[in-house]
Structure formats: structure tokens, C-alpha cells
PDB file of N, CA and C in Angstrom:
ATOM      1  N   MET A   1     -30.633   5.700 -82.982  1.00  0.00           N
ATOM      2  CA  MET A   1     -31.957   4.928 -82.130  1.00  0.00           C
ATOM      3  C   MET A   1     -31.728   3.691 -82.305  1.00  0.00           C
ATOM      4  N   ASN A   2     -32.027   2.428 -82.312  1.00  0.00           N
ATOM      5  CA  ASN A   2     -32.149   1.210 -82.616  1.00  0.00           C
ATOM      6  C   ASN A   2     -33.736   1.363 -83.451  1.00  0.00           C
ATOM      7  N   LYS A   3     -33.635   0.209 -84.256  1.00  0.00           N
ATOM      8  CA  LYS A   3     -35.269   0.254 -84.546  1.00  0.00           C
ATOM      9  C   LYS A   3     -36.225  -1.221 -84.210  1.00  0.00           C
ATOM     10  N   GLY A   4     -37.612  -0.660 -83.906  1.00  0.00           N
ATOM     11  CA  GLY A   4     -38.353  -1.533 -83.210  1.00  0.00           C
ATOM     12  C   GLY A   4     -38.452  -3.257 -83.996  1.00  0.00           C
ATOM     13  N   GLN A   5     -39.537  -3.714 -83.388  1.00  0.00           N
ATOM     14  CA  GLN A   5     -39.806  -4.469 -84.183  1.00  0.00           C
ATOM     15  C   GLN A   5     -40.803  -4.752 -85.112  1.00  0.00           C
ATOM     16  N   ARG A   6     -40.966  -5.398 -86.278  1.00  0.00           N
ATOM     17  CA  ARG A   6     -41.473  -5.669 -87.561  1.00  0.00           C
ATOM     18  C   ARG A   6     -43.154  -5.627 -87.009  1.00  0.00           C
ATOM     19  N   ALA A   7     -43.881  -4.786 -87.208  1.00  0.00           N
ATOM     20  CA  ALA A   7     -45.465  -4.879 -86.525  1.00  0.00           C
ATOM     21  C   ALA A   7     -46.470  -5.413 -88.238  1.00  0.00           C
ATOM     22  N   GLY A   8     -45.842  -5.154 -89.032  1.00  0.00           N
ATOM     23  CA  GLY A   8     -46.364  -5.214 -90.197  1.00  0.00           C
ATOM     24  C   GLY A   8     -45.800  -5.617 -91.434  1.00  0.00           C
ATOM     25  N   ASP A   9     -46.284  -5.580 -92.302  1.00  0.00           N
ATOM     26  CA  ASP A   9     -45.399  -5.696 -93.733  1.00  0.00           C
ATOM     27  C   ASP A   9     -45.696  -4.587 -94.866  1.00  0.00           C
ATOM     28  N   SER A  10     -46.596  -3.478 -94.278  1.00  0.00           N
ATOM     29  CA  SER A  10     -46.736  -2.277 -95.393  1.00  0.00           C
ATOM     30  C   SER A  10     -47.184  -0.979 -94.488  1.00  0.00           C
ATOM     31  N   ALA A  11     -47.780  -0.744 -94.885  1.00  0.00           N
ATOM     32  CA  ALA A  11     -47.292   0.990 -94.340  1.00  0.00           C
ATOM     33  C   ALA A  11     -49.447   0.649 -94.171  1.00  0.00           C
ATOM     34  N   LEU A  12     -49.363   2.255 -93.295  1.00  0.00           N
ATOM     35  CA  LEU A  12     -50.761   2.552 -92.820  1.00  0.00           C
ATOM     36  C   LEU A  12     -51.587   3.730 -93.554  1.00  0.00           C
ATOM     37  N   ALA A  13     -52.309   3.680 -94.168  1.00  0.00           N
ATOM     38  CA  ALA A  13     -52.747   4.993 -95.046  1.00  0.00           C
ATOM     39  C   ALA A  13     -53.477   6.139 -93.891  1.00  0.00           C
ATOM     40  N   ILE A  14     -53.604   6.782 -93.152  1.00  0.00           N
ATOM     41  CA  ILE A  14     -53.878   7.647 -92.168  1.00  0.00           C
ATOM     42  C   ILE A  14     -54.846   9.032 -92.311  1.00  0.00           C
ATOM     43  N   ASP A  15     -55.691   9.497 -92.382  1.00  0.00           N
ATOM     44  CA  ASP A  15     -56.223  10.638 -92.848  1.00  0.00           C
ATOM     45  C   ASP A  15     -55.704  11.684 -91.370  1.00  0.00           C
ATOM     46  N   VAL A  16     -54.994  12.749 -91.575  1.00  0.00           N
ATOM     47  CA  VAL A  16     -54.261  13.311 -90.865  1.00  0.00           C
ATOM     48  C   VAL A  16     -55.146  14.524 -90.446  1.00  0.00           C
ATOM     49  N   GLU A  17     -55.169  15.564 -89.502  1.00  0.00           N
ATOM     50  CA  GLU A  17     -55.852  17.156 -89.148  1.00  0.00           C
ATOM     51  C   GLU A  17     -54.616  18.079 -89.344  1.00  0.00           C
ATOM     52  N   GLN A  18     -54.990  18.926 -89.610  1.00  0.00           N
ATOM     53  CA  GLN A  18     -54.309  19.597 -89.837  1.00  0.00           C
ATOM     54  C   GLN A  18     -54.082  20.258 -87.938  1.00  0.00           C
ATOM     55  N   GLY A  19     -52.638  20.691 -87.551  1.00  0.00           N
ATOM     56  CA  GLY A  19     -52.294  20.580 -85.941  1.00  0.00           C
ATOM     57  C   GLY A  19     -52.497  20.057 -85.023  1.00  0.00           C
ATOM     58  N   LYS A  20     -53.048  18.585 -84.955  1.00  0.00           N
ATOM     59  CA  LYS A  20     -53.382  17.666 -84.560  1.00  0.00           C
ATOM     60  C   LYS A  20     -52.014  17.242 -84.587  1.00  0.00           C
ATOM     61  N   SER A  21     -50.994  16.514 -83.259  1.00  0.00           N
ATOM     62  CA  SER A  21     -50.187  15.590 -82.973  1.00  0.00           C
ATOM     63  C   SER A  21     -50.754  14.172 -82.991  1.00  0.00           C
ATOM     64  N   TYR A  22     -49.576  13.468 -83.676  1.00  0.00           N
ATOM     65  CA  TYR A  22     -50.036  12.166 -83.621  1.00  0.00           C
ATOM     66  C   TYR A  22     -48.537  11.278 -83.046  1.00  0.00           C
ATOM     67  N   TYR A  23     -48.509  10.316 -82.004  1.00  0.00           N
ATOM     68  CA  TYR A  23     -48.054   9.346 -81.476  1.00  0.00           C
ATOM     69  C   TYR A  23     -47.330   8.304 -82.424  1.00  0.00           C
ATOM     70  N   TRP A  24     -46.620   8.111 -83.391  1.00  0.00           N
ATOM     71  CA  TRP A  24     -46.441   7.121 -83.684  1.00  0.00           C
ATOM     72  C   TRP A  24     -45.404   6.226 -82.997  1.00  0.00           C
ATOM     73  N   CYS A  25     -45.695   5.246 -83.028  1.00  0.00           N
ATOM     74  CA  CYS A  25     -44.993   3.921 -82.499  1.00  0.00           C
ATOM     75  C   CYS A  25     -43.739   3.770 -82.968  1.00  0.00           C
ATOM     76  N   SER A  26     -43.104   3.493 -82.250  1.00  0.00           N
ATOM     77  CA  SER A  26     -41.209   3.343 -82.439  1.00  0.00           C
ATOM     78  C   SER A  26     -40.822   2.128 -81.936  1.00  0.00           C
ATOM     79  N   CYS A  27     -41.359   1.367 -81.271  1.00  0.00           N
ATOM     80  CA  CYS A  27     -41.226  -0.005 -80.935  1.00  0.00           C
ATOM     81  C   CYS A  27     -41.548  -1.017 -81.352  1.00  0.00           C
ATOM     82  N   GLY A  28     -42.705  -0.780 -82.158  1.00  0.00           N
ATOM     83  CA  GLY A  28     -43.325  -2.363 -82.788  1.00  0.00           C
ATOM     84  C   GLY A  28     -44.755  -2.815 -81.809  1.00  0.00           C
ATOM     85  N   LYS A  29     -44.435  -2.783 -80.454  1.00  0.00           N
ATOM     86  CA  LYS A  29     -44.923  -3.314 -79.917  1.00  0.00           C
ATOM     87  C   LYS A  29     -46.354  -2.795 -79.637  1.00  0.00           C
ATOM     88  N   SER A  30     -46.911  -2.195 -80.275  1.00  0.00           N
ATOM     89  CA  SER A  30     -47.871  -1.658 -79.267  1.00  0.00           C
ATOM     90  C   SER A  30     -49.293  -2.363 -80.541  1.00  0.00           C
ATOM     91  N   SER A  31     -50.424  -2.414 -79.327  1.00  0.00           N
ATOM     92  CA  SER A  31     -51.642  -3.229 -79.967  1.00  0.00           C
ATOM     93  C   SER A  31     -52.655  -2.219 -81.527  1.00  0.00           C
ATOM     94  N   LYS A  32     -52.170  -0.963 -81.573  1.00  0.00           N
ATOM     95  CA  LYS A  32     -52.929   0.335 -81.932  1.00  0.00           C
ATOM     96  C   LYS A  32     -51.985   0.433 -82.729  1.00  0.00           C
ATOM     97  N   GLN A  33     -51.408  -0.108 -83.916  1.00  0.00           N
ATOM     98  CA  GLN A  33     -50.443   0.586 -84.877  1.00  0.00           C
ATOM     99  C   GLN A  33     -51.471   1.021 -85.742  1.00  0.00           C
ATOM    100  N   PRO A  34     -50.521   2.291 -86.174  1.00  0.00           N
ATOM    101  CA  PRO A  34     -49.359   2.509 -86.218  1.00  0.00           C
ATOM    102  C   PRO A  34     -49.050   3.564 -85.051  1.00  0.00           C
ATOM    103  N   PHE A  35     -49.753   3.541 -83.977  1.00  0.00           N
ATOM    104  CA  PHE A  35     -50.135   4.402 -83.177  1.00  0.00           C
ATOM    105  C   PHE A  35     -49.223   3.804 -81.484  1.00  0.00           C
ATOM    106  N   CYS A  36     -48.888   4.784 -80.566  1.00  0.00           N
ATOM    107  CA  CYS A  36     -48.397   4.357 -79.478  1.00  0.00           C
ATOM    108  C   CYS A  36     -49.203   4.139 -78.334  1.00  0.00           C
ATOM    109  N   ASP A  37     -49.911   2.759 -77.573  1.00  0.00           N
ATOM    110  CA  ASP A  37     -50.417   2.580 -76.413  1.00  0.00           C
ATOM    111  C   ASP A  37     -49.681   2.504 -75.280  1.00  0.00           C
ATOM    112  N   GLY A  38     -48.490   2.799 -75.178  1.00  0.00           N
ATOM    113  CA  GLY A  38     -47.567   2.621 -74.167  1.00  0.00           C
ATOM    114  C   GLY A  38     -46.488   1.701 -74.255  1.00  0.00           C
ATOM    115  N   SER A  39     -46.927   0.545 -74.905  1.00  0.00           N
ATOM    116  CA  SER A  39     -46.227  -0.744 -74.752  1.00  0.00           C
ATOM    117  C   SER A  39     -44.728  -0.563 -74.381  1.00  0.00           C
ATOM    118  N   HIS A  40     -43.976   0.552 -74.961  1.00  0.00           N
ATOM    119  CA  HIS A  40     -42.786  -0.083 -75.123  1.00  0.00           C
ATOM    120  C   HIS A  40     -42.086   0.910 -73.673  1.00  0.00           C
ATOM    121  N   LYS A  41     -42.784   1.078 -72.317  1.00  0.00           N
ATOM    122  CA  LYS A  41     -42.515   0.939 -71.168  1.00  0.00           C
ATOM    123  C   LYS A  41     -41.160   0.204 -70.857  1.00  0.00           C
ATOM    124  N   GLY A  42     -40.099   0.283 -70.395  1.00  0.00           N
ATOM    125  CA  GLY A  42     -39.258  -0.241 -70.360  1.00  0.00           C
ATOM    126  C   GLY A  42     -38.296  -0.779 -70.918  1.00  0.00           C
ATOM    127  N   THR A  43     -38.156  -0.085 -72.092  1.00  0.00           N
ATOM    128  CA  THR A  43     -37.911  -0.079 -72.919  1.00  0.00           C
ATOM    129  C   THR A  43     -36.700   1.184 -73.422  1.00  0.00           C
ATOM    130  N   GLU A  44     -36.304   0.686 -74.473  1.00  0.00           N
ATOM    131  CA  GLU A  44     -35.220   2.574 -74.974  1.00  0.00           C
ATOM    132  C   GLU A  44     -36.103   3.076 -75.834  1.00  0.00           C
ATOM    133  N   PHE A  45     -37.512   2.590 -76.724  1.00  0.00           N
ATOM    134  CA  PHE A  45     -38.102   3.268 -77.343  1.00  0.00           C
ATOM    135  C   PHE A  45     -39.439   4.299 -76.647  1.00  0.00           C
ATOM    136  N   LYS A  46     -39.320   5.302 -77.161  1.00  0.00           N
ATOM    137  CA  LYS A  46     -40.400   6.400 -76.949  1.00  0.00           C
ATOM    138  C   LYS A  46     -40.984   6.310 -78.244  1.00  0.00           C
ATOM    139  N   PRO A  47     -42.060   7.284 -78.692  1.00  0.00           N
ATOM    140  CA  PRO A  47     -42.866   7.586 -79.122  1.00  0.00           C
ATOM    141  C   PRO A  47     -42.521   8.405 -79.842  1.00  0.00           C
ATOM    142  N   LEU A  48     -42.918   8.754 -81.380  1.00  0.00           N
ATOM    143  CA  LEU A  48     -42.342   9.775 -81.959  1.00  0.00           C
ATOM    144  C   LEU A  48     -43.764  10.478 -82.692  1.00  0.00           C
ATOM    145  N   THR A  49     -43.356  12.051 -81.974  1.00  0.00           N
ATOM    146  CA  THR A  49     -44.859  12.964 -82.230  1.00  0.00           C
ATOM    147  C   THR A  49     -44.539  13.484 -83.322  1.00  0.00           C
ATOM    148  N   TYR A  50     -45.786  13.292 -84.161  1.00  0.00           N
ATOM    149  CA  TYR A  50     -45.526  14.289 -85.486  1.00  0.00           C
ATOM    150  C   TYR A  50     -46.867  14.854 -85.303  1.00  0.00           C
ATOM    151  N   LYS A  51     -46.318  16.058 -85.596  1.00  0.00           N
ATOM    152  CA  LYS A  51     -47.858  16.972 -86.081  1.00  0.00           C
ATOM    153  C   LYS A  51     -48.264  17.703 -87.383  1.00  0.00           C
ATOM    154  N   ALA A  52     -49.375  17.574 -87.328  1.00  0.00           N
ATOM    155  CA  ALA A  52     -49.271  17.522 -89.190  1.00  0.00           C
ATOM    156  C   ALA A  52     -49.957  18.697 -89.390  1.00  0.00           C
ATOM    157  N   GLU A  53     -49.190  19.358 -90.504  1.00  0.00           N
ATOM    158  CA  GLU A  53     -49.563  20.645 -90.806  1.00  0.00           C
ATOM    159  C   GLU A  53     -50.308  21.081 -92.096  1.00  0.00           C
ATOM    160  N   LEU A  54     -50.517  19.872 -92.506  1.00  0.00           N
ATOM    161  CA  LEU A  54     -51.735  20.071 -93.410  1.00  0.00           C
ATOM    162  C   LEU A  54     -52.826  18.673 -93.114  1.00  0.00           C
ATOM    163  N   THR A  55     -53.903  19.146 -93.154  1.00  0.00           N
ATOM    164  CA  THR A  55     -54.975  17.941 -93.387  1.00  0.00           C
ATOM    165  C   THR A  55     -54.775  17.215 -94.522  1.00  0.00           C
ATOM    166  N   LYS A  56     -54.773  15.858 -94.928  1.00  0.00           N
ATOM    167  CA  LYS A  56     -54.401  15.306 -95.778  1.00  0.00           C
ATOM    168  C   LYS A  56     -54.113  13.077 -95.420  1.00  0.00           C
ATOM    169  N   ARG A  57     -53.587  12.637 -96.244  1.00  0.00           N
ATOM    170  CA  ARG A  57     -53.234  11.631 -96.158  1.00  0.00           C
ATOM    171  C   ARG A  57     -51.770  11.109 -96.492  1.00  0.00           C
ATOM    172  N   VAL A  58     -51.467  10.391 -95.260  1.00  0.00           N
ATOM    173  CA  VAL A  58     -49.651  10.002 -95.153  1.00  0.00           C
ATOM    174  C   VAL A  58     -50.260   8.665 -94.937  1.00  0.00           C
ATOM    175  N   PHE A  59     -49.107   8.090 -95.403  1.00  0.00           N
ATOM    176  CA  PHE A  59     -48.713   6.491 -94.931  1.00  0.00           C
ATOM    177  C   PHE A  59     -47.237   6.501 -93.930  1.00  0.00           C
ATOM    178  N   PHE A  60     -47.686   5.798 -92.815  1.00  0.00           N
ATOM    179  CA  PHE A  60     -46.891   5.901 -91.182  1.00  0.00           C
ATOM    180  C   PHE A  60     -46.259   4.459 -91.507  1.00  0.00           C
ATOM    181  N   CYS A  61     -45.522   3.913 -91.144  1.00  0.00           N
ATOM    182  CA  CYS A  61     -44.392   2.913 -91.658  1.00  0.00           C
ATOM    183  C   CYS A  61     -44.868   1.745 -90.079  1.00  0.00           C
ATOM    184  N   VAL A  62     -45.204   0.384 -90.890  1.00  0.00           N
ATOM    185  CA  VAL A  62     -45.416  -0.092 -89.943  1.00  0.00           C
ATOM    186  C   VAL A  62     -44.798  -1.564 -89.362  1.00  0.00           C
ATOM    187  N   CYS A  63     -43.396  -1.593 -90.549  1.00  0.00           N
ATOM    188  CA  CYS A  63     -42.923  -2.574 -90.186  1.00  0.00           C
ATOM    189  C   CYS A  63     -42.040  -2.026 -89.292  1.00  0.00           C
ATOM    190  N   LYS A  64     -41.307  -0.454 -89.268  1.00  0.00           N
ATOM    191  CA  LYS A  64     -40.443   0.303 -88.227  1.00  0.00           C
ATOM    192  C   LYS A  64     -39.204   0.269 -88.358  1.00  0.00           C
ATOM    193  N   GLN A  65     -39.288   0.012 -89.549  1.00  0.00           N
ATOM    194  CA  GLN A  65     -37.554  -0.124 -90.559  1.00  0.00           C
ATOM    195  C   GLN A  65     -37.165   0.736 -91.111  1.00  0.00           C
ATOM    196  N   THR A  66     -37.942   1.711 -91.770  1.00  0.00           N
ATOM    197  CA  THR A  66     -38.178   2.989 -92.155  1.00  0.00           C
ATOM    198  C   THR A  66     -36.756   3.884 -91.616  1.00  0.00           C
ATOM    199  N   ASN A  67     -36.246   4.697 -92.824  1.00  0.00           N
ATOM    200  CA  ASN A  67     -34.984   5.561 -92.448  1.00  0.00           C
ATOM    201  C   ASN A  67     -36.074   6.831 -92.608  1.00  0.00           C
ATOM    202  N   ASP A  68     -37.370   7.013 -92.556  1.00  0.00           N
ATOM    203  CA  ASP A  68     -37.673   8.431 -92.727  1.00  0.00           C
ATOM    204  C   ASP A  68     -38.695   8.297 -91.984  1.00  0.00           C
ATOM    205  N   GLN A  69     -38.611   7.680 -90.677  1.00  0.00           N
ATOM    206  CA  GLN A  69     -39.843   8.385 -89.141  1.00  0.00           C
ATOM    207  C   GLN A  69     -40.465   9.123 -89.531  1.00  0.00           C
ATOM    208  N   PRO A  70     -41.429   9.561 -89.236  1.00  0.00           N
ATOM    209  CA  PRO A  70     -42.615   8.029 -88.890  1.00  0.00           C
ATOM    210  C   PRO A  70     -43.202   7.246 -90.168  1.00  0.00           C
ATOM    211  N   PHE A  71     -43.069   8.198 -91.318  1.00  0.00           N
ATOM    212  CA  PHE A  71     -43.121   7.581 -92.415  1.00  0.00           C
ATOM    213  C   PHE A  71     -42.919   6.567 -93.175  1.00  0.00           C
ATOM    214  N   CYS A  72     -43.574   5.703 -94.064  1.00  0.00           N
ATOM    215  CA  CYS A  72     -42.966   4.433 -94.766  1.00  0.00           C
ATOM    216  C   CYS A  72     -42.017   5.234 -96.061  1.00  0.00           C
ATOM    217  N   ASP A  73     -41.019   4.492 -96.113  1.00  0.00           N
ATOM    218  CA  ASP A  73     -39.970   4.254 -97.197  1.00  0.00           C
ATOM    219  C   ASP A  73     -39.842   3.423 -97.796  1.00  0.00           C
ATOM    220  N   GLY A  74     -40.890   2.372 -97.868  1.00  0.00           N
ATOM    221  CA  GLY A  74     -40.494   1.004 -98.796  1.00  0.00           C
ATOM    222  C   GLY A  74     -39.525  -0.108 -98.068  1.00  0.00           C
ATOM    223  N   SER A  75     -38.916   0.113 -97.175  1.00  0.00           N
ATOM    224  CA  SER A  75     -38.333  -0.800 -96.100  1.00  0.00           C
ATOM    225  C   SER A  75     -38.971  -2.351 -95.668  1.00  0.00           C
ATOM    226  N   HIS A  76     -40.160  -2.180 -95.954  1.00  0.00           N
ATOM    227  CA  HIS A  76     -40.746  -3.660 -95.446  1.00  0.00           C
ATOM    228  C   HIS A  76     -40.694  -4.353 -96.690  1.00  0.00           C
ATOM    229  N   ASN A  77     -40.015  -3.791 -98.377  1.00  0.00           N
ATOM    230  CA  ASN A  77     -39.999  -4.687 -99.172  1.00  0.00           C
ATOM    231  C   ASN A  77     -38.772  -5.340 -99.100  1.00  0.00           C
ATOM    232  N   LYS A  78     -37.997  -4.788 -98.048  1.00  0.00           N
ATOM    233  CA  LYS A  78     -35.844  -5.327 -98.159  1.00  0.00           C
ATOM    234  C   LYS A  78     -35.670  -6.363 -96.636  1.00  0.00           C
ATOM    235  N   LYS A  79     -36.332  -7.223 -96.826  1.00  0.00           N
ATOM    236  CA  LYS A  79     -36.611  -7.748 -95.907  1.00  0.00           C
ATOM    237  C   LYS A  79     -35.384  -8.678 -95.829  1.00  0.00           C
TER     238      LYS A  79
END
């Protein structure tokens, strides 16, 4: 899968709830970063579903360049 456009230059910390599904924006066009708002329609991109195994804080990628989707791996530091 190709990587989406940059939607920011840092990760977003989100408190997730065990058992809940989250739909990470992979295209970078969503106005509800880091989550999908359907802006990918008509492109090759689709949201990535993340189901939280534990209630905790996770760091979702916003630059869309990560190799550990949907999580930040520091790729935003490698412009």
C-alpha cells in the first residue's frame, strides 16, 4: 500500500478503550485526524481498523509515513 499525504508532523496520543474499534485514516485527507472521515473515497486508500486489546494511551501516526501503521514509529522526524 502507498503511504498517504502528511497530515501533521507528530503523533497524536489517544486514550483507547479495550474492545473498541478505531478507524485510522491512511490517506491523510481526513479532517478528523488521526481517524477516518471518509475523505479517501475515490482513492486507493481505505481506513485501517485497530481494535484496542487494552484500555491505554496509544500514539497514532499523523504523518502517514510510518512503517508500523497505525502507530507512530518516528518517521515524521525523517523528512
